[in-house]
Amino acid sequence: MSVIHHFNLAGVDLNLLVVFDALMTEQHLTRAAEKIGLSQPATSNALSRLRKLFNDDLFIKTSKGMAPTPRAIELAESIHQSLLQVQTAIYSEPEFIPQTSDRVFRIGMDDYSELVFLPKLLAEIEILAKNVKIQVRSTNWIRSPKLLDADDIDLAIGHCPQFQPWHQRQLLYEEHFVCVASSERFKNRKAITLEEYIAAAHLLVSPKEDMVGLVDEALAQQNLSRNVVMSVPNFLIVPFILANTNFIATLPAHLVKTFVEVWQLYASPLPFQMAGFSIDLLWHSKNDREPGHMWLRNLIVKQCKN
């Protein structure tokens, strides 16, 4: 463990690091001042002291605001993480009692996670911690690590293939794909054949809002293709469309289970091989041992085992 030189730190105003972090986030002097509640002259003065402290300009004035120097970029992550750890040490609850807590937990989710996790999670919380509140923030595998670093969410649920060394990830389960359609379209059938699948009209869920998805890539590797006649950007509208058309959709199995239960749709294994994906729980290491955070994570993991 590194030794902290208290004598040297005693001569440094650590509030300057708060100013640095705000400038790095906003890259604009006035907005940074507003964010931390300082006047513009006070923020400008703090920047001058920061430049002296680090012997670097740190932020260069441009037509759009303040551009960070390479030295500022190098310092940014370590300073930001240090400030988050100090904040956690000062403001974290010493214990978490679910029955009496009125804490607000912020969870990053995409529409898949919302549909699969939220109903059961909220039902459990209503029983175990009726005053606890949940704030859902829309996210995806690219945004989740950034939101965690900015302390905008407490944890993220979903496919999280990329993250940083200071993040923690726990596998919840491995997801696979199945196909789903109206019960009338495949009445009394046990499985869709490859020939039926290729000949069908397909509904695609594409967050990229295009007409090609992972299924088409998997089919192309087998010199096959399908007829995508409609593309939508999220899962919410899918059961409404399937219940009223002859379309087929290829969707994650846990999501299809929810749709089948509510909408009485027909589900079938895919008639070809296709790789699945992981569903993960992602959080910042600074919250690893925080009691409330641990309670919520354990609740989510327990749900996945039931």
Protein backbone atom coordinates (compact mmCIF):
# COMPACT_ATOMS: atom_id res chain seq x y z
CA MET A 1 0.00 0.00 0.00
CA SER A 2 1.32 3.45 -0.93
CA VAL A 3 2.14 5.85 1.88
CA ILE A 4 0.19 9.13 1.80
CA HIS A 5 2.47 12.07 2.50
CA HIS A 6 0.29 14.09 4.84
CA PHE A 7 2.73 16.99 5.00
CA ASN A 8 2.56 17.53 1.23
CA LEU A 9 -1.22 17.12 1.09
CA ALA A 10 -1.65 19.65 3.88
CA GLY A 11 -0.49 22.35 1.51
CA VAL A 12 -2.98 21.41 -1.22
CA ASP A 13 -6.57 22.68 -1.37
CA LEU A 14 -8.41 19.49 -2.30
CA ASN A 15 -11.43 21.55 -3.36
CA LEU A 16 -9.39 22.39 -6.43
CA LEU A 17 -9.90 18.80 -7.56
CA VAL A 18 -13.67 19.37 -7.49
CA VAL A 19 -13.17 22.34 -9.80
CA PHE A 20 -10.95 20.24 -12.07
CA ASP A 21 -13.57 17.48 -12.25
CA ALA A 22 -16.33 19.96 -13.11
CA LEU A 23 -14.20 21.59 -15.82
CA MET A 24 -13.39 18.19 -17.26
CA THR A 25 -17.07 17.24 -17.36
CA GLU A 26 -18.44 20.52 -18.71
CA GLN A 27 -15.40 21.82 -20.64
CA HIS A 28 -16.88 25.27 -20.17
CA LEU A 29 -15.94 27.70 -17.39
CA THR A 30 -19.41 29.16 -16.76
CA ARG A 31 -21.20 25.79 -16.77
CA ALA A 32 -18.56 24.28 -14.49
CA ALA A 33 -18.99 27.19 -12.05
CA GLU A 34 -22.77 26.68 -12.02
CA LYS A 35 -22.40 22.95 -11.48
CA ILE A 36 -20.36 23.31 -8.29
CA GLY A 37 -22.00 26.51 -7.03
CA LEU A 38 -19.06 28.88 -7.45
CA SER A 39 -18.90 32.26 -9.14
CA GLN A 40 -17.15 32.48 -12.49
CA PRO A 41 -14.27 34.58 -11.04
CA ALA A 42 -13.78 32.05 -8.22
CA THR A 43 -13.70 29.20 -10.72
CA SER A 44 -11.24 31.10 -12.91
CA ASN A 45 -9.05 31.69 -9.87
CA ALA A 46 -9.20 27.99 -8.98
CA LEU A 47 -8.13 27.11 -12.53
CA SER A 48 -5.10 29.38 -12.16
CA ARG A 49 -4.15 27.57 -8.95
CA LEU A 50 -4.67 24.20 -10.62
CA ARG A 51 -2.35 25.21 -13.45
CA LYS A 52 0.31 26.14 -10.91
CA LEU A 53 -0.23 22.93 -8.93
CA PHE A 54 0.16 20.66 -11.95
CA ASN A 55 2.54 22.92 -13.91
CA ASP A 56 0.32 22.64 -16.97
CA ASP A 57 -2.33 24.75 -18.71
CA LEU A 58 -4.83 21.87 -18.20
CA PHE A 59 -7.65 23.62 -20.15
CA ILE A 60 -7.19 25.77 -23.25
CA LYS A 61 -9.82 28.35 -24.23
CA THR A 62 -11.45 27.65 -27.60
CA SER A 63 -14.43 29.00 -29.52
CA LYS A 64 -16.56 26.21 -28.01
CA GLY A 65 -15.32 26.37 -24.43
CA MET A 66 -12.33 24.86 -22.64
CA ALA A 67 -10.44 21.98 -24.29
CA PRO A 68 -8.44 19.70 -21.93
CA THR A 69 -4.72 19.28 -22.53
CA PRO A 70 -3.17 15.79 -22.74
CA ARG A 71 -2.06 16.20 -19.12
CA ALA A 72 -5.64 16.98 -18.03
CA ILE A 73 -6.95 13.94 -19.89
CA GLU A 74 -4.30 11.82 -18.18
CA LEU A 75 -5.36 13.09 -14.74
CA ALA A 76 -9.13 13.06 -15.29
CA GLU A 77 -10.07 9.46 -14.47
CA SER A 78 -7.94 9.10 -11.33
CA ILE A 79 -9.20 12.42 -9.94
CA HIS A 80 -12.83 11.58 -10.72
CA GLN A 81 -12.61 8.13 -9.11
CA SER A 82 -10.87 9.56 -6.03
CA LEU A 83 -13.63 12.13 -5.57
CA LEU A 84 -16.29 9.43 -5.88
CA GLN A 85 -14.55 7.34 -3.22
CA VAL A 86 -14.31 10.30 -0.86
CA GLN A 87 -18.00 11.05 -1.45
CA THR A 88 -18.91 7.45 -0.71
CA ALA A 89 -16.82 7.40 2.46
CA ILE A 90 -18.53 10.53 3.78
CA TYR A 91 -22.14 9.98 2.73
CA SER A 92 -22.62 6.21 2.57
CA GLU A 93 -25.05 4.68 5.02
CA PRO A 94 -23.34 2.65 7.79
CA GLU A 95 -26.06 0.01 7.47
CA PHE A 96 -29.09 -0.72 5.34
CA ILE A 97 -32.40 -1.82 6.85
CA PRO A 98 -34.81 -2.64 3.98
CA GLN A 99 -37.95 -2.44 6.11
CA THR A 100 -37.33 1.19 7.10
CA SER A 101 -35.21 2.58 4.26
CA ASP A 102 -36.65 5.13 1.83
CA ARG A 103 -33.59 5.06 -0.41
CA VAL A 104 -33.83 5.67 -4.15
CA PHE A 105 -31.89 3.15 -6.24
CA ARG A 106 -31.02 4.14 -9.82
CA ILE A 107 -30.86 1.20 -12.23
CA GLY A 108 -29.66 1.38 -15.82
CA MET A 109 -31.78 -0.82 -18.12
CA ASP A 110 -32.68 -1.29 -21.75
CA ASP A 111 -36.23 -2.29 -22.72
CA TYR A 112 -35.34 -6.02 -22.55
CA SER A 113 -34.23 -5.69 -18.92
CA GLU A 114 -37.26 -3.58 -18.04
CA LEU A 115 -39.69 -6.19 -19.37
CA VAL A 116 -37.89 -9.23 -17.92
CA PHE A 117 -36.73 -7.89 -14.53
CA LEU A 118 -38.86 -4.98 -13.37
CA PRO A 119 -42.24 -6.63 -12.66
CA LYS A 120 -40.80 -9.35 -10.39
CA LEU A 121 -38.21 -7.04 -8.84
CA LEU A 122 -40.81 -4.43 -7.90
CA ALA A 123 -43.11 -7.11 -6.49
CA GLU A 124 -40.29 -8.31 -4.21
CA ILE A 125 -39.37 -4.80 -3.13
CA GLU A 126 -42.99 -4.04 -2.32
CA ILE A 127 -42.93 -6.95 0.15
CA LEU A 128 -39.43 -6.56 1.60
CA ALA A 129 -38.85 -2.79 1.47
CA LYS A 130 -42.09 -0.98 0.73
CA ASN A 131 -40.57 2.51 1.08
CA VAL A 132 -37.61 1.88 -1.24
CA LYS A 133 -37.94 3.58 -4.63
CA ILE A 134 -36.56 2.60 -8.02
CA GLN A 135 -35.50 5.10 -10.69
CA VAL A 136 -34.89 3.48 -14.07
CA ARG A 137 -32.53 5.13 -16.53
CA SER A 138 -32.49 4.10 -20.17
CA THR A 139 -29.11 2.68 -21.14
CA ASN A 140 -27.28 0.09 -23.24
CA TRP A 141 -23.97 -1.78 -23.14
CA ILE A 142 -22.07 1.27 -24.40
CA ARG A 143 -23.61 3.84 -22.05
CA SER A 144 -23.76 1.75 -18.87
CA PRO A 145 -20.06 2.00 -17.88
CA LYS A 146 -20.09 5.75 -18.53
CA LEU A 147 -23.21 6.27 -16.38
CA LEU A 148 -21.61 4.25 -13.57
CA ASP A 149 -18.45 6.38 -13.73
CA ALA A 150 -20.50 9.59 -13.64
CA ASP A 151 -22.40 8.22 -10.60
CA ASP A 152 -25.66 8.61 -12.56
CA ILE A 153 -26.74 5.01 -11.86
CA ASP A 154 -26.06 2.58 -9.01
CA LEU A 155 -25.93 -0.50 -11.22
CA ALA A 156 -26.83 -1.72 -14.68
CA ILE A 157 -28.66 -4.85 -15.82
CA GLY A 158 -28.24 -6.16 -19.35
CA HIS A 159 -25.62 -7.33 -21.80
CA CYS A 160 -22.37 -5.69 -20.62
CA PRO A 161 -19.47 -7.05 -22.71
CA GLN A 162 -17.21 -4.01 -22.21
CA PHE A 163 -16.25 -2.45 -18.88
CA GLN A 164 -13.28 -1.01 -17.00
CA PRO A 165 -10.99 -2.59 -14.36
CA TRP A 166 -12.73 -0.53 -11.65
CA HIS A 167 -16.11 -2.06 -12.53
CA GLN A 168 -17.53 -5.29 -11.14
CA ARG A 169 -19.56 -7.68 -13.29
CA GLN A 170 -21.63 -10.70 -12.30
CA LEU A 171 -23.16 -13.08 -14.82
CA LEU A 172 -26.88 -13.46 -14.21
CA TYR A 173 -27.58 -16.02 -16.96
CA GLU A 174 -26.85 -16.96 -20.56
CA GLU A 175 -29.62 -15.95 -22.96
CA HIS A 176 -30.53 -17.67 -26.23
CA PHE A 177 -32.88 -16.93 -29.09
CA VAL A 178 -36.21 -18.52 -30.00
CA CYS A 179 -38.82 -17.59 -32.59
CA VAL A 180 -42.32 -16.44 -31.73
CA ALA A 181 -45.54 -15.89 -33.68
CA SER A 182 -49.29 -15.82 -33.18
CA SER A 183 -50.85 -19.05 -31.97
CA GLU A 184 -53.10 -19.12 -35.02
CA ARG A 185 -50.20 -19.07 -37.46
CA PHE A 186 -48.65 -22.29 -36.14
CA LYS A 187 -51.61 -23.94 -34.49
CA ASN A 188 -50.89 -27.41 -33.07
CA ARG A 189 -47.27 -27.32 -34.25
CA LYS A 190 -44.34 -28.26 -32.01
CA ALA A 191 -41.50 -26.63 -33.92
CA ILE A 192 -40.97 -24.39 -36.91
CA THR A 193 -38.99 -25.97 -39.73
CA LEU A 194 -36.15 -24.18 -41.48
CA GLU A 195 -38.17 -24.06 -44.69
CA GLU A 196 -41.11 -22.39 -42.92
CA TYR A 197 -38.79 -19.98 -41.17
CA ILE A 198 -37.09 -18.87 -44.40
CA ALA A 199 -40.42 -18.51 -46.22
CA ALA A 200 -42.09 -16.45 -43.47
CA ALA A 201 -42.41 -12.68 -43.19
CA HIS A 202 -40.20 -11.50 -40.33
CA LEU A 203 -40.45 -8.72 -37.76
CA LEU A 204 -37.03 -7.41 -36.69
CA VAL A 205 -36.21 -5.55 -33.48
CA SER A 206 -33.30 -3.27 -34.37
CA PRO A 207 -31.97 -0.67 -31.91
CA LYS A 208 -29.91 0.61 -34.85
CA GLU A 209 -33.18 1.15 -36.73
CA ASP A 210 -32.10 -0.76 -39.84
CA MET A 211 -33.36 -3.89 -41.60
CA VAL A 212 -30.50 -6.28 -40.77
CA GLY A 213 -29.87 -8.01 -37.43
CA LEU A 214 -27.82 -10.74 -35.76
CA VAL A 215 -30.12 -13.39 -37.20
CA ASP A 216 -29.36 -12.28 -40.75
CA GLU A 217 -25.63 -12.48 -40.03
CA ALA A 218 -26.05 -16.02 -38.65
CA LEU A 219 -28.12 -17.07 -41.67
CA ALA A 220 -25.63 -15.53 -44.10
CA GLN A 221 -22.90 -17.78 -42.68
CA GLN A 222 -25.05 -20.71 -43.82
CA ASN A 223 -25.78 -19.11 -47.22
CA LEU A 224 -29.36 -18.45 -46.18
CA SER A 225 -31.48 -15.33 -45.91
CA ARG A 226 -34.92 -14.34 -44.61
CA ASN A 227 -37.56 -11.79 -45.60
CA VAL A 228 -37.61 -8.93 -43.09
CA VAL A 229 -40.77 -6.96 -43.82
CA MET A 230 -40.81 -4.71 -40.76
CA SER A 231 -38.28 -3.25 -38.34
CA VAL A 232 -39.02 -1.62 -34.97
CA PRO A 233 -36.52 -0.02 -32.54
CA ASN A 234 -37.66 -1.75 -29.33
CA PHE A 235 -39.45 -4.80 -27.94
CA LEU A 236 -42.53 -3.14 -26.46
CA ILE A 237 -44.62 -3.10 -29.64
CA VAL A 238 -43.69 -6.64 -30.74
CA PRO A 239 -46.49 -8.68 -29.08
CA PHE A 240 -49.13 -6.27 -30.38
CA ILE A 241 -47.86 -6.75 -33.93
CA LEU A 242 -47.45 -10.53 -33.70
CA ALA A 243 -50.92 -11.01 -32.24
CA ASN A 244 -52.45 -9.32 -35.28
CA THR A 245 -50.24 -10.51 -38.15
CA ASN A 246 -48.62 -13.65 -39.58
CA PHE A 247 -45.13 -12.31 -38.88
CA ILE A 248 -42.41 -14.26 -37.08
CA ALA A 249 -39.99 -12.57 -34.68
CA THR A 250 -36.72 -14.01 -33.35
CA LEU A 251 -36.27 -12.83 -29.78
CA PRO A 252 -34.42 -13.59 -26.50
CA ALA A 253 -36.02 -16.57 -24.74
CA HIS A 254 -36.65 -14.89 -21.36
CA LEU A 255 -38.49 -12.09 -23.11
CA VAL A 256 -40.54 -14.52 -25.17
CA LYS A 257 -41.56 -16.35 -21.99
CA THR A 258 -43.11 -13.09 -20.75
CA PHE A 259 -44.84 -12.47 -24.08
CA VAL A 260 -46.23 -16.02 -24.29
CA GLU A 261 -47.64 -15.85 -20.76
CA VAL A 262 -49.40 -12.54 -21.35
CA TRP A 263 -50.31 -12.70 -25.03
CA GLN A 264 -50.69 -16.47 -25.60
CA LEU A 265 -48.26 -16.39 -28.49
CA TYR A 266 -46.52 -19.43 -29.96
CA ALA A 267 -42.83 -20.04 -29.25
CA SER A 268 -40.52 -22.44 -31.07
CA PRO A 269 -36.83 -23.31 -30.98
CA LEU A 270 -34.82 -21.82 -33.81
CA PRO A 271 -34.43 -24.27 -36.71
CA PHE A 272 -30.73 -23.37 -37.02
CA GLN A 273 -27.73 -22.72 -34.79
CA MET A 274 -27.17 -19.20 -33.46
CA ALA A 275 -25.01 -17.88 -30.62
CA GLY A 276 -26.66 -16.30 -27.60
CA PHE A 277 -25.41 -13.62 -25.22
CA SER A 278 -24.90 -12.98 -21.51
CA ILE A 279 -27.13 -10.97 -19.19
CA ASP A 280 -24.98 -9.28 -16.56
CA LEU A 281 -25.09 -7.15 -13.46
CA LEU A 282 -22.57 -4.29 -13.61
CA TRP A 283 -21.57 -1.86 -10.86
CA HIS A 284 -18.72 0.38 -9.75
CA SER A 285 -16.12 -1.12 -7.42
CA LYS A 286 -16.60 1.72 -4.95
CA ASN A 287 -20.05 0.30 -4.15
CA ASP A 288 -18.88 -3.30 -3.85
CA ARG A 289 -19.27 -3.50 -0.05
CA GLU A 290 -21.93 -0.83 0.42
CA PRO A 291 -24.79 -2.50 2.40
CA GLY A 292 -27.76 -1.16 0.42
CA HIS A 293 -26.06 -1.88 -2.86
CA MET A 294 -25.26 -5.44 -1.76
CA TRP A 295 -28.87 -5.98 -0.72
CA LEU A 296 -30.24 -4.94 -4.12
CA ARG A 297 -27.67 -6.99 -6.03
CA ASN A 298 -28.44 -10.09 -3.96
CA LEU A 299 -32.16 -9.57 -4.59
CA ILE A 300 -31.60 -9.41 -8.35
CA VAL A 301 -29.34 -12.49 -8.36
CA LYS A 302 -31.87 -14.43 -6.26
CA GLN A 303 -34.59 -13.64 -8.80
CA CYS A 304 -32.52 -15.12 -11.59
CA LYS A 305 -32.13 -18.38 -9.69
CA ASN A 306 -35.87 -18.82 -9.11
